[in-house]
Protein backbone atom coordinates (compact mmCIF):
# COMPACT_ATOMS: atom_id res chain seq x y z
CA MET A 1 0.59 12.13 -9.30
CA PHE A 2 4.37 11.83 -9.25
CA CYS A 3 5.00 15.34 -10.56
CA ASN A 4 2.40 17.09 -8.44
CA HIS A 5 1.76 14.99 -5.35
CA VAL A 6 0.40 17.96 -3.37
CA GLU A 7 -2.73 17.80 -5.55
CA PHE A 8 -3.36 14.21 -4.46
CA PHE A 9 -2.04 13.99 -0.90
CA TYR A 10 -2.47 16.07 2.21
CA HIS A 11 0.83 16.49 4.10
CA THR A 12 -0.16 13.66 6.50
CA GLN A 13 -1.07 11.20 3.73
CA TYR A 14 1.37 8.75 2.17
CA ILE A 15 1.65 5.74 -0.02
CA LEU A 16 3.02 2.82 1.98
CA GLY A 17 5.33 0.64 -0.04
CA ASP A 18 7.71 -2.23 0.30
CA SER A 19 11.44 -1.80 -0.17
CA ALA A 20 11.06 -1.79 -3.98
CA TYR A 21 9.39 1.62 -3.82
CA GLU A 22 11.53 4.71 -4.16
CA LEU A 23 11.55 7.05 -1.19
CA LEU A 24 9.65 10.19 -2.10
CA PRO A 25 8.03 12.91 0.02
CA PHE A 26 4.68 11.10 -0.31
CA VAL A 27 6.01 7.50 -0.23
CA ILE A 28 7.06 5.72 2.96
CA SER A 29 8.87 2.54 2.00
CA ALA A 30 10.38 -0.31 3.96
CA PHE A 31 14.08 -0.38 4.74
CA LYS A 32 16.14 -2.48 2.35
CA LYS A 33 18.27 -5.24 3.77
CA PRO A 34 21.79 -4.83 2.33
CA GLN A 35 23.01 -7.98 0.65
CA GLY A 36 24.92 -10.11 3.15
CA HIS A 37 24.00 -7.86 6.09
CA GLN A 38 21.23 -7.57 8.65
CA ILE A 39 19.13 -4.51 9.36
CA SER A 40 18.64 -3.22 12.88
CA HIS A 41 15.91 -4.60 15.11
CA GLU A 42 14.19 -1.20 15.01
CA LYS A 43 14.12 -1.17 11.22
CA GLU A 44 12.89 -4.77 11.14
CA ASN A 45 10.01 -3.81 13.49
CA PHE A 46 9.27 -0.81 11.26
CA ASN A 47 9.15 -3.05 8.17
CA GLN A 48 6.88 -5.52 9.96
CA ALA A 49 4.46 -2.77 11.01
CA LEU A 50 4.56 -1.27 7.52
CA SER A 51 3.62 -4.61 5.96
CA LYS A 52 0.43 -5.07 8.04
CA PRO A 53 -1.75 -2.59 6.09
CA HIS A 54 -0.91 -4.54 2.90
CA VAL A 55 -2.76 -7.64 4.09
CA LEU A 56 -6.35 -6.49 3.54
CA PRO A 57 -5.82 -5.07 0.01
CA GLU A 58 -3.86 -8.18 -0.97
CA HIS A 59 -6.68 -10.41 0.28
CA THR A 60 -9.22 -8.25 -1.52
CA ILE A 61 -7.30 -8.56 -4.77
CA GLY A 62 -6.98 -12.32 -4.18
CA ILE A 63 -10.76 -12.65 -3.78
CA TRP A 64 -11.29 -10.51 -6.89
CA LYS A 65 -8.87 -12.67 -8.89
CA GLY A 66 -10.70 -15.73 -7.54
CA CYS A 67 -13.94 -14.41 -9.00
CA PHE A 68 -12.26 -13.66 -12.33
CA PRO A 69 -9.33 -16.10 -12.66
CA TRP A 70 -8.79 -15.19 -16.31
CA LEU A 71 -7.27 -11.91 -15.04
CA ARG A 72 -4.13 -13.88 -14.13
CA TRP A 73 -3.65 -14.96 -17.72
CA MET A 74 -5.18 -12.06 -19.61
CA ARG A 75 -4.02 -12.49 -23.20
CA LEU A 76 -4.10 -8.93 -24.43
CA LYS A 77 -1.08 -7.33 -25.98
CA ILE A 78 0.04 -3.84 -25.09
CA THR A 79 1.19 -2.04 -28.22
CA ASN A 80 2.11 1.52 -29.12
CA ASP A 81 -1.57 2.14 -29.72
CA PRO A 82 -2.99 3.81 -26.55
CA PHE A 83 -6.23 1.96 -27.20
CA SER A 84 -4.50 -1.33 -26.34
CA VAL A 85 -3.87 -0.17 -22.76
CA GLN A 86 -7.34 1.35 -22.52
CA LYS A 87 -8.90 -1.96 -23.58
CA ILE A 88 -7.10 -3.79 -20.76
CA LEU A 89 -8.13 -1.12 -18.26
CA ASP A 90 -11.74 -1.37 -19.44
CA TYR A 91 -11.75 -5.14 -18.91
CA ILE A 92 -10.30 -4.71 -15.43
CA LEU A 93 -12.80 -1.97 -14.58
CA CYS A 94 -15.67 -4.19 -15.71
CA THR A 95 -14.55 -6.98 -13.40
CA VAL A 96 -14.23 -4.54 -10.48
CA ILE A 97 -17.77 -3.27 -11.12
CA LEU A 98 -19.13 -6.82 -11.36
CA HIS A 99 -17.23 -7.87 -8.23
CA ASN A 100 -18.62 -4.93 -6.24
CA PHE A 101 -22.10 -5.60 -7.61
CA LEU A 102 -21.95 -9.19 -6.38
CA ILE A 103 -20.79 -8.05 -2.96
CA GLU A 104 -23.61 -5.49 -2.76
CA ARG A 105 -26.11 -8.20 -3.68
CA LYS A 106 -24.61 -10.27 -0.88
CA ASP A 107 -23.79 -13.12 -3.25
CA LYS A 108 -21.82 -15.75 -1.44
CA ILE A 109 -18.08 -15.60 -1.93
CA PRO A 110 -16.64 -19.10 -1.40
CA ASP A 111 -14.92 -19.43 1.98
CA GLU A 112 -11.73 -20.76 0.40
CA TRP A 113 -11.25 -17.39 -1.31
CA ILE A 114 -11.20 -15.58 2.00
CA GLU A 115 -8.45 -15.65 4.58
CA LEU A 116 -9.23 -14.31 8.00
CA TYR A 117 -7.90 -10.84 8.53
CA ASP A 118 -7.15 -9.48 11.96
CA ASN A 119 -8.17 -5.85 11.65
CA GLU A 120 -5.92 -4.57 14.39
CA ASP A 121 -5.18 -0.95 15.05
CA VAL A 122 -1.46 -0.25 15.01
CA GLY A 123 -2.02 2.76 17.26
CA LEU A 124 -0.36 5.46 15.15
CA SER A 125 -3.06 8.08 15.51
CA LEU A 126 -1.20 11.25 16.45
CA PRO A 127 -2.32 14.70 17.53
CA ASP A 128 -2.33 17.41 14.86
CA ASP A 129 0.62 19.22 16.46
CA ASP A 130 2.84 16.12 16.54
CA PRO A 131 6.00 16.61 14.41
CA VAL A 132 4.95 13.72 12.15
CA ASN A 133 1.79 15.65 11.24
CA VAL A 134 3.58 18.89 10.43
CA PRO A 135 4.39 19.56 6.76
CA ILE A 136 8.03 18.96 5.94
CA ASN A 137 10.28 21.25 3.97
CA ALA A 138 10.68 20.12 0.35
CA ASN A 139 14.47 20.56 0.68
CA LEU A 140 14.77 17.83 3.32
CA PRO A 141 15.94 14.34 2.28
CA ASN A 142 13.27 11.95 0.99
CA ASP A 143 14.08 9.71 3.98
CA PHE A 144 13.15 12.43 6.51
CA ARG A 145 9.50 11.40 7.09
CA ARG A 146 10.39 7.70 7.26
CA GLN A 147 13.02 8.48 9.89
CA GLN A 148 10.45 10.48 11.89
CA ILE A 149 8.04 7.57 11.81
CA LEU A 150 10.80 5.09 12.66
CA TYR A 151 11.71 7.20 15.70
CA TYR A 152 8.06 7.42 16.78
CA MET A 153 7.55 3.68 16.39
CA ASN A 154 10.68 2.86 18.39
CA GLU A 155 9.33 5.02 21.21
CA HIS A 156 5.64 3.97 21.13
CA TYR A 157 5.01 0.85 19.09
CA VAL A 158 5.30 -2.65 20.53
CA PRO A 159 5.30 -5.29 17.77
CA THR A 160 2.92 -8.20 18.15
């Protein structure tokens, strides 16, 4: 995916990441706060808005780990043998299949595993001809798309 992102992402699709993610043409990451300094209010609002889509997947993973707590302490060693990684992936895949099966069967998930999630729309649906939806030149800096979105959010987005 890294080497050939155009196979996996349309020009309006991105991976949203926190500040640990490297800026790439298909990755929009949060702004890093320089040590001992503050970041601008606009960048802080951007980071806050960027973090909201993470809530639902994090809760989903939390519920999944609640169903299979041994995942937190999986005692399998990764070695130079590719089978060692495949074995771990197979165990994880099995738990995902079982988890989805239980959900489909409408088995009760204990309430304490679920935190309420406010599924709010951040209002970033843009027309096809908006500059943010236009493919960007590969020679532009990796920060170009993030700066476009930051500018848009400063103009249109009101943090809650």
